[in-house]
Amino acid sequence: MKKSHRMQILVDLAKRKEDSAAQQLARDKAKVQSDMQKLNELKDYAGQYESERNLLGLSAYLTTNYQHFVDRVQQAIVQQELAVGRAEQQADMSMRGWLQTRSKTKSMDWLKDKSHKAELAIEAQQEQRQNDEFAMRRFLENTR
């Protein structure tokens, strides 16, 4: 088996790893988007309740309960912001991992191509030698 054929097997394995890393990156980016959407929904929800409190004119007891509820929503917002941060960090790690696997795949593919070109050059040299040898034999036969 030629070196370039053996290298192709390694390139194929590297491409599979790259594809797997790309899929993980896509999942992580989708998680960031989902977490961001949840955060925006929580912020909208908190904003609606804050504006409604001002319009309702609640009693002191209801105002306290309402404020506790708004505080819990604010805590949920903080927690969701932390979740978004973690998801973004994971997506960044996945991006770096994908870039590394992509770089390895490109390097291996370049080496495979280089090996293939070297093999073609050797084959061309061998073919030229055979042609030269054949021409020399024919020349010698014709001169006899």
Protein backbone atom coordinates (compact mmCIF):
# COMPACT_ATOMS: atom_id res chain seq x y z
CA MET A 1 0.00 0.00 0.00
CA LYS A 2 1.36 3.38 -0.99
CA LYS A 3 2.17 5.95 1.64
CA SER A 4 -0.45 8.35 0.29
CA HIS A 5 -3.13 5.64 0.62
CA ARG A 6 -2.11 5.00 4.22
CA MET A 7 -2.14 8.75 4.83
CA GLN A 8 -5.64 8.97 3.35
CA ILE A 9 -6.88 6.68 6.11
CA LEU A 10 -5.43 9.07 8.68
CA VAL A 11 -6.94 12.06 6.88
CA ASP A 12 -10.35 10.37 6.91
CA LEU A 13 -10.07 9.74 10.66
CA ALA A 14 -9.05 13.36 11.22
CA LYS A 15 -12.02 14.54 9.14
CA ARG A 16 -14.37 12.46 11.29
CA LYS A 17 -12.91 14.05 14.42
CA GLU A 18 -13.28 17.46 12.83
CA ASP A 19 -16.91 16.74 11.95
CA SER A 20 -17.57 15.58 15.49
CA ALA A 21 -15.98 18.75 16.89
CA ALA A 22 -18.06 20.85 14.46
CA GLN A 23 -21.25 19.13 15.63
CA GLN A 24 -20.32 19.78 19.27
CA LEU A 25 -19.65 23.42 18.41
CA ALA A 26 -23.07 23.69 16.76
CA ARG A 27 -24.75 22.18 19.83
CA ASP A 28 -22.89 24.56 22.14
CA LYS A 29 -23.79 27.58 20.02
CA ALA A 30 -27.44 26.48 20.03
CA LYS A 31 -27.25 26.21 23.84
CA VAL A 32 -25.92 29.77 24.04
CA GLN A 33 -28.78 30.99 21.85
CA SER A 34 -31.34 29.10 23.92
CA ASP A 35 -29.94 30.43 27.19
CA MET A 36 -29.86 33.97 25.78
CA GLN A 37 -33.49 33.65 24.70
CA LYS A 38 -34.49 32.48 28.19
CA LEU A 39 -32.59 35.40 29.72
CA ASN A 40 -34.35 37.88 27.45
CA GLU A 41 -37.72 36.35 28.30
CA LEU A 42 -36.98 36.64 32.02
CA LYS A 43 -35.95 40.28 31.60
CA ASP A 44 -39.13 41.03 29.65
CA TYR A 45 -41.19 39.24 32.30
CA ALA A 46 -39.54 41.26 35.10
CA GLY A 47 -40.07 44.48 33.17
CA GLN A 48 -43.75 43.74 32.69
CA TYR A 49 -44.29 43.05 36.37
CA GLU A 50 -42.38 46.16 37.39
CA SER A 51 -44.49 48.35 35.12
CA GLU A 52 -47.73 46.67 36.25
CA ARG A 53 -46.87 47.27 39.92
CA ASN A 54 -46.76 50.97 39.29
CA LEU A 55 -50.13 50.89 37.55
CA LEU A 56 -52.00 48.71 40.06
CA GLY A 57 -51.69 50.85 43.18
CA LEU A 58 -51.39 47.86 45.55
CA SER A 59 -51.75 47.84 49.30
CA ALA A 60 -48.62 47.71 51.45
CA TYR A 61 -49.00 43.93 52.04
CA LEU A 62 -49.51 43.16 48.37
CA THR A 63 -46.70 45.52 47.43
CA THR A 64 -44.33 43.58 49.72
CA ASN A 65 -45.39 40.24 48.25
CA TYR A 66 -45.15 41.67 44.77
CA GLN A 67 -41.66 42.97 45.50
CA HIS A 68 -40.58 39.54 46.81
CA PHE A 69 -41.82 38.00 43.59
CA VAL A 70 -39.94 40.58 41.50
CA ASP A 71 -36.82 39.94 43.60
CA ARG A 72 -37.08 36.19 42.86
CA VAL A 73 -37.42 36.96 39.16
CA GLN A 74 -34.29 39.15 39.44
CA GLN A 75 -32.47 36.25 41.12
CA ALA A 76 -33.55 34.00 38.26
CA ILE A 77 -32.16 36.58 35.84
CA VAL A 78 -28.81 36.55 37.64
CA GLN A 79 -28.75 32.74 37.54
CA GLN A 80 -29.63 32.77 33.85
CA GLU A 81 -26.87 35.31 33.15
CA LEU A 82 -24.43 32.90 34.81
CA ALA A 83 -25.81 30.06 32.67
CA VAL A 84 -25.30 32.16 29.54
CA GLY A 85 -21.71 32.86 30.62
CA ARG A 86 -21.02 29.16 31.16
CA ALA A 87 -22.59 28.28 27.82
CA GLU A 88 -20.48 30.92 26.06
CA GLN A 89 -17.32 29.57 27.71
CA GLN A 90 -18.22 26.06 26.58
CA ALA A 91 -18.87 27.31 23.05
CA ASP A 92 -15.49 29.07 23.06
CA MET A 93 -13.78 25.86 24.17
CA SER A 94 -15.59 23.95 21.46
CA MET A 95 -14.52 26.54 18.89
CA ARG A 96 -10.88 26.18 19.93
CA GLY A 97 -11.19 22.39 19.80
CA TRP A 98 -12.74 22.52 16.34
CA LEU A 99 -10.03 24.89 15.10
CA GLN A 100 -7.35 22.52 16.40
CA THR A 101 -8.91 19.49 14.74
CA ARG A 102 -9.39 21.45 11.52
CA SER A 103 -5.74 22.48 11.58
CA LYS A 104 -4.66 18.87 12.09
CA THR A 105 -6.89 17.71 9.25
CA LYS A 106 -5.47 20.34 6.89
CA SER A 107 -1.91 19.42 7.88
CA MET A 108 -2.51 15.73 7.33
CA ASP A 109 -4.22 16.41 4.02
CA TRP A 110 -1.24 18.54 2.93
CA LEU A 111 1.17 15.75 3.90
CA LYS A 112 -0.93 13.21 2.00
CA ASP A 113 -0.92 15.42 -1.10
CA LYS A 114 2.83 15.92 -0.78
CA SER A 115 3.34 12.14 -0.54
CA HIS A 116 1.07 11.59 -3.53
CA LYS A 117 2.99 14.13 -5.62
CA ALA A 118 6.28 12.48 -4.63
CA GLU A 119 4.90 9.09 -5.62
CA LEU A 120 3.78 10.48 -8.99
CA ALA A 121 7.22 11.97 -9.56
CA ILE A 122 8.88 8.62 -8.77
CA GLU A 123 6.47 6.82 -11.08
CA ALA A 124 7.20 9.34 -13.84
CA GLN A 125 10.94 8.83 -13.38
CA GLN A 126 10.53 5.05 -13.52
CA GLU A 127 8.40 5.32 -16.62
CA GLN A 128 10.97 7.61 -18.23
CA ARG A 129 13.74 5.13 -17.41
CA GLN A 130 11.72 2.32 -18.94
CA ASN A 131 11.05 4.37 -22.05
CA ASP A 132 14.74 5.30 -22.31
CA GLU A 133 15.72 1.65 -21.88
CA PHE A 134 13.20 0.54 -24.48
CA ALA A 135 14.41 3.20 -26.92
CA MET A 136 18.03 2.17 -26.33
CA ARG A 137 17.24 -1.51 -26.99
CA ARG A 138 15.38 -0.62 -30.14
CA PHE A 139 18.26 1.58 -31.28
CA LEU A 140 20.77 -1.23 -30.58
CA GLU A 141 18.59 -3.75 -32.44
CA ASN A 142 18.31 -1.43 -35.46
CA THR A 143 22.06 -0.81 -35.57
CA ARG A 144 22.89 -4.55 -35.77
